[in-house]
N, C-alpha and C. Protein backbone atom coordinates (compact mmCIF):
# COMPACT_ATOMS: atom_id res chain seq x y z
N UNK A 1 124.70 -4.27 -93.79
CA UNK A 1 123.48 -4.23 -93.00
C UNK A 1 122.65 -5.47 -93.35
N UNK A 2 122.08 -6.05 -92.31
CA UNK A 2 121.25 -7.24 -92.46
C UNK A 2 119.79 -6.81 -92.25
N UNK A 3 118.91 -6.97 -93.25
CA UNK A 3 117.53 -6.50 -93.11
C UNK A 3 116.77 -7.18 -91.98
N UNK A 4 117.08 -8.42 -91.71
CA UNK A 4 116.39 -9.13 -90.62
C UNK A 4 116.76 -8.51 -89.28
N UNK A 5 118.03 -8.21 -89.08
CA UNK A 5 118.45 -7.56 -87.84
C UNK A 5 117.82 -6.18 -87.71
N UNK A 6 117.71 -5.47 -88.82
CA UNK A 6 117.13 -4.13 -88.79
C UNK A 6 115.64 -4.19 -88.44
N UNK A 7 114.93 -5.18 -88.94
CA UNK A 7 113.52 -5.35 -88.59
C UNK A 7 113.41 -5.65 -87.09
N UNK A 8 114.30 -6.48 -86.60
CA UNK A 8 114.29 -6.83 -85.17
C UNK A 8 114.45 -5.59 -84.29
N UNK A 9 115.25 -4.65 -84.74
CA UNK A 9 115.49 -3.43 -83.96
C UNK A 9 114.23 -2.59 -83.76
N UNK A 10 113.31 -2.65 -84.71
CA UNK A 10 112.08 -1.84 -84.62
C UNK A 10 110.84 -2.68 -84.33
N UNK A 11 111.03 -3.95 -84.06
CA UNK A 11 109.91 -4.88 -83.87
C UNK A 11 108.94 -4.43 -82.79
N UNK A 12 109.43 -3.78 -81.78
CA UNK A 12 108.55 -3.36 -80.68
C UNK A 12 107.62 -2.21 -81.08
N UNK A 13 107.84 -1.63 -82.26
CA UNK A 13 107.00 -0.52 -82.72
C UNK A 13 106.08 -0.93 -83.87
N UNK A 14 106.03 -2.22 -84.15
CA UNK A 14 105.18 -2.75 -85.22
C UNK A 14 104.11 -3.63 -84.58
N UNK A 15 102.85 -3.48 -84.97
CA UNK A 15 101.80 -4.33 -84.39
C UNK A 15 102.13 -5.81 -84.55
N UNK A 16 101.77 -6.58 -83.55
CA UNK A 16 102.10 -8.00 -83.54
C UNK A 16 101.63 -8.73 -84.79
N UNK A 17 100.43 -8.44 -85.24
CA UNK A 17 99.90 -9.12 -86.44
C UNK A 17 100.78 -8.86 -87.67
N UNK A 18 101.19 -7.61 -87.85
CA UNK A 18 102.05 -7.27 -88.98
C UNK A 18 103.42 -7.91 -88.83
N UNK A 19 103.94 -7.92 -87.62
CA UNK A 19 105.24 -8.53 -87.37
C UNK A 19 105.19 -10.04 -87.64
N UNK A 20 104.13 -10.67 -87.22
CA UNK A 20 103.98 -12.12 -87.49
C UNK A 20 103.94 -12.39 -88.99
N UNK A 21 103.24 -11.53 -89.73
CA UNK A 21 103.15 -11.68 -91.17
C UNK A 21 104.54 -11.55 -91.81
N UNK A 22 105.29 -10.53 -91.40
CA UNK A 22 106.64 -10.33 -91.94
C UNK A 22 107.51 -11.54 -91.60
N UNK A 23 107.41 -12.01 -90.38
CA UNK A 23 108.19 -13.16 -89.95
C UNK A 23 107.87 -14.40 -90.79
N UNK A 24 106.58 -14.64 -90.99
CA UNK A 24 106.17 -15.81 -91.78
C UNK A 24 106.67 -15.71 -93.22
N UNK A 25 106.54 -14.54 -93.81
CA UNK A 25 106.99 -14.35 -95.20
C UNK A 25 108.50 -14.58 -95.32
N UNK A 26 109.25 -13.99 -94.42
CA UNK A 26 110.71 -14.12 -94.48
C UNK A 26 111.14 -15.55 -94.17
N UNK A 27 110.50 -16.18 -93.19
CA UNK A 27 110.82 -17.56 -92.84
C UNK A 27 110.57 -18.49 -94.03
N UNK A 28 109.42 -18.31 -94.68
CA UNK A 28 109.11 -19.13 -95.86
C UNK A 28 110.13 -18.90 -96.97
N UNK A 29 110.51 -17.65 -97.15
CA UNK A 29 111.49 -17.31 -98.18
C UNK A 29 112.83 -18.01 -97.91
N UNK A 30 113.29 -17.92 -96.68
CA UNK A 30 114.56 -18.55 -96.33
C UNK A 30 114.47 -20.08 -96.43
N UNK A 31 113.35 -20.65 -96.00
CA UNK A 31 113.17 -22.11 -96.06
C UNK A 31 113.15 -22.59 -97.51
N UNK A 32 112.71 -21.73 -98.41
CA UNK A 32 112.66 -22.08 -99.82
C UNK A 32 113.98 -21.88 -100.55
N UNK A 33 115.00 -21.50 -99.82
CA UNK A 33 116.32 -21.35 -100.44
C UNK A 33 116.76 -19.92 -100.65
N UNK A 34 115.93 -18.97 -100.24
CA UNK A 34 116.30 -17.57 -100.39
C UNK A 34 117.37 -17.17 -99.38
N UNK A 35 117.96 -16.03 -99.62
CA UNK A 35 119.00 -15.50 -98.74
C UNK A 35 118.47 -14.33 -97.94
N UNK A 36 119.12 -14.08 -96.80
CA UNK A 36 118.66 -13.00 -95.93
C UNK A 36 118.83 -11.62 -96.55
N UNK A 37 119.67 -11.50 -97.55
CA UNK A 37 119.89 -10.18 -98.15
C UNK A 37 119.30 -10.06 -99.57
N UNK A 38 118.37 -10.94 -99.90
CA UNK A 38 117.69 -10.86 -101.19
C UNK A 38 116.75 -9.64 -101.23
N UNK A 39 116.46 -9.14 -102.41
CA UNK A 39 115.54 -8.00 -102.54
C UNK A 39 114.19 -8.23 -101.85
N UNK A 40 113.71 -9.44 -101.87
CA UNK A 40 112.43 -9.75 -101.22
C UNK A 40 112.47 -9.44 -99.73
N UNK A 41 113.56 -9.79 -99.07
CA UNK A 41 113.69 -9.52 -97.63
C UNK A 41 113.84 -8.03 -97.39
N UNK A 42 114.59 -7.36 -98.26
CA UNK A 42 114.73 -5.90 -98.15
C UNK A 42 113.38 -5.21 -98.29
N UNK A 43 112.50 -5.76 -99.13
CA UNK A 43 111.16 -5.21 -99.29
C UNK A 43 110.42 -5.22 -97.96
N UNK A 44 110.55 -6.29 -97.22
CA UNK A 44 109.90 -6.39 -95.92
C UNK A 44 110.54 -5.42 -94.91
N UNK A 45 111.82 -5.22 -95.02
CA UNK A 45 112.48 -4.23 -94.19
C UNK A 45 111.94 -2.82 -94.47
N UNK A 46 111.80 -2.49 -95.75
CA UNK A 46 111.27 -1.17 -96.10
C UNK A 46 109.85 -0.97 -95.58
N UNK A 47 109.05 -2.02 -95.61
CA UNK A 47 107.71 -1.96 -95.03
C UNK A 47 107.82 -1.61 -93.55
N UNK A 48 108.65 -2.32 -92.82
CA UNK A 48 108.81 -2.07 -91.38
C UNK A 48 109.29 -0.64 -91.14
N UNK A 49 110.21 -0.20 -91.94
CA UNK A 49 110.74 1.16 -91.82
C UNK A 49 109.63 2.20 -92.03
N UNK A 50 108.83 2.00 -93.08
CA UNK A 50 107.73 2.92 -93.36
C UNK A 50 106.70 2.91 -92.24
N UNK A 51 106.41 1.73 -91.73
CA UNK A 51 105.43 1.63 -90.66
C UNK A 51 105.88 2.43 -89.45
N UNK A 52 107.12 2.27 -89.08
CA UNK A 52 107.64 2.99 -87.91
C UNK A 52 107.65 4.50 -88.17
N UNK A 53 108.03 4.89 -89.37
CA UNK A 53 108.09 6.32 -89.71
C UNK A 53 106.69 6.94 -89.76
N UNK A 54 105.76 6.25 -90.42
CA UNK A 54 104.42 6.79 -90.64
C UNK A 54 103.42 6.38 -89.57
N UNK A 55 103.73 5.30 -88.86
CA UNK A 55 102.82 4.83 -87.82
C UNK A 55 101.60 4.11 -88.32
N UNK A 56 101.67 3.57 -89.55
CA UNK A 56 100.54 2.81 -90.08
C UNK A 56 101.03 1.78 -91.08
N UNK A 57 100.10 0.94 -91.55
CA UNK A 57 100.47 -0.11 -92.50
C UNK A 57 100.41 0.41 -93.92
């Protein structure tokens, strides 16, 4: 499973501001040499998952 793809699947249920923040954080991480499956990226996936489940930030 790829956390970035999983975030994309639920992107339409996350407020734009929060989605932009997640995108910026992950983009910066990858640009700095991080990998798409690092724990940091999974952390952002879990945030997205919780938001969709609970309906809040």
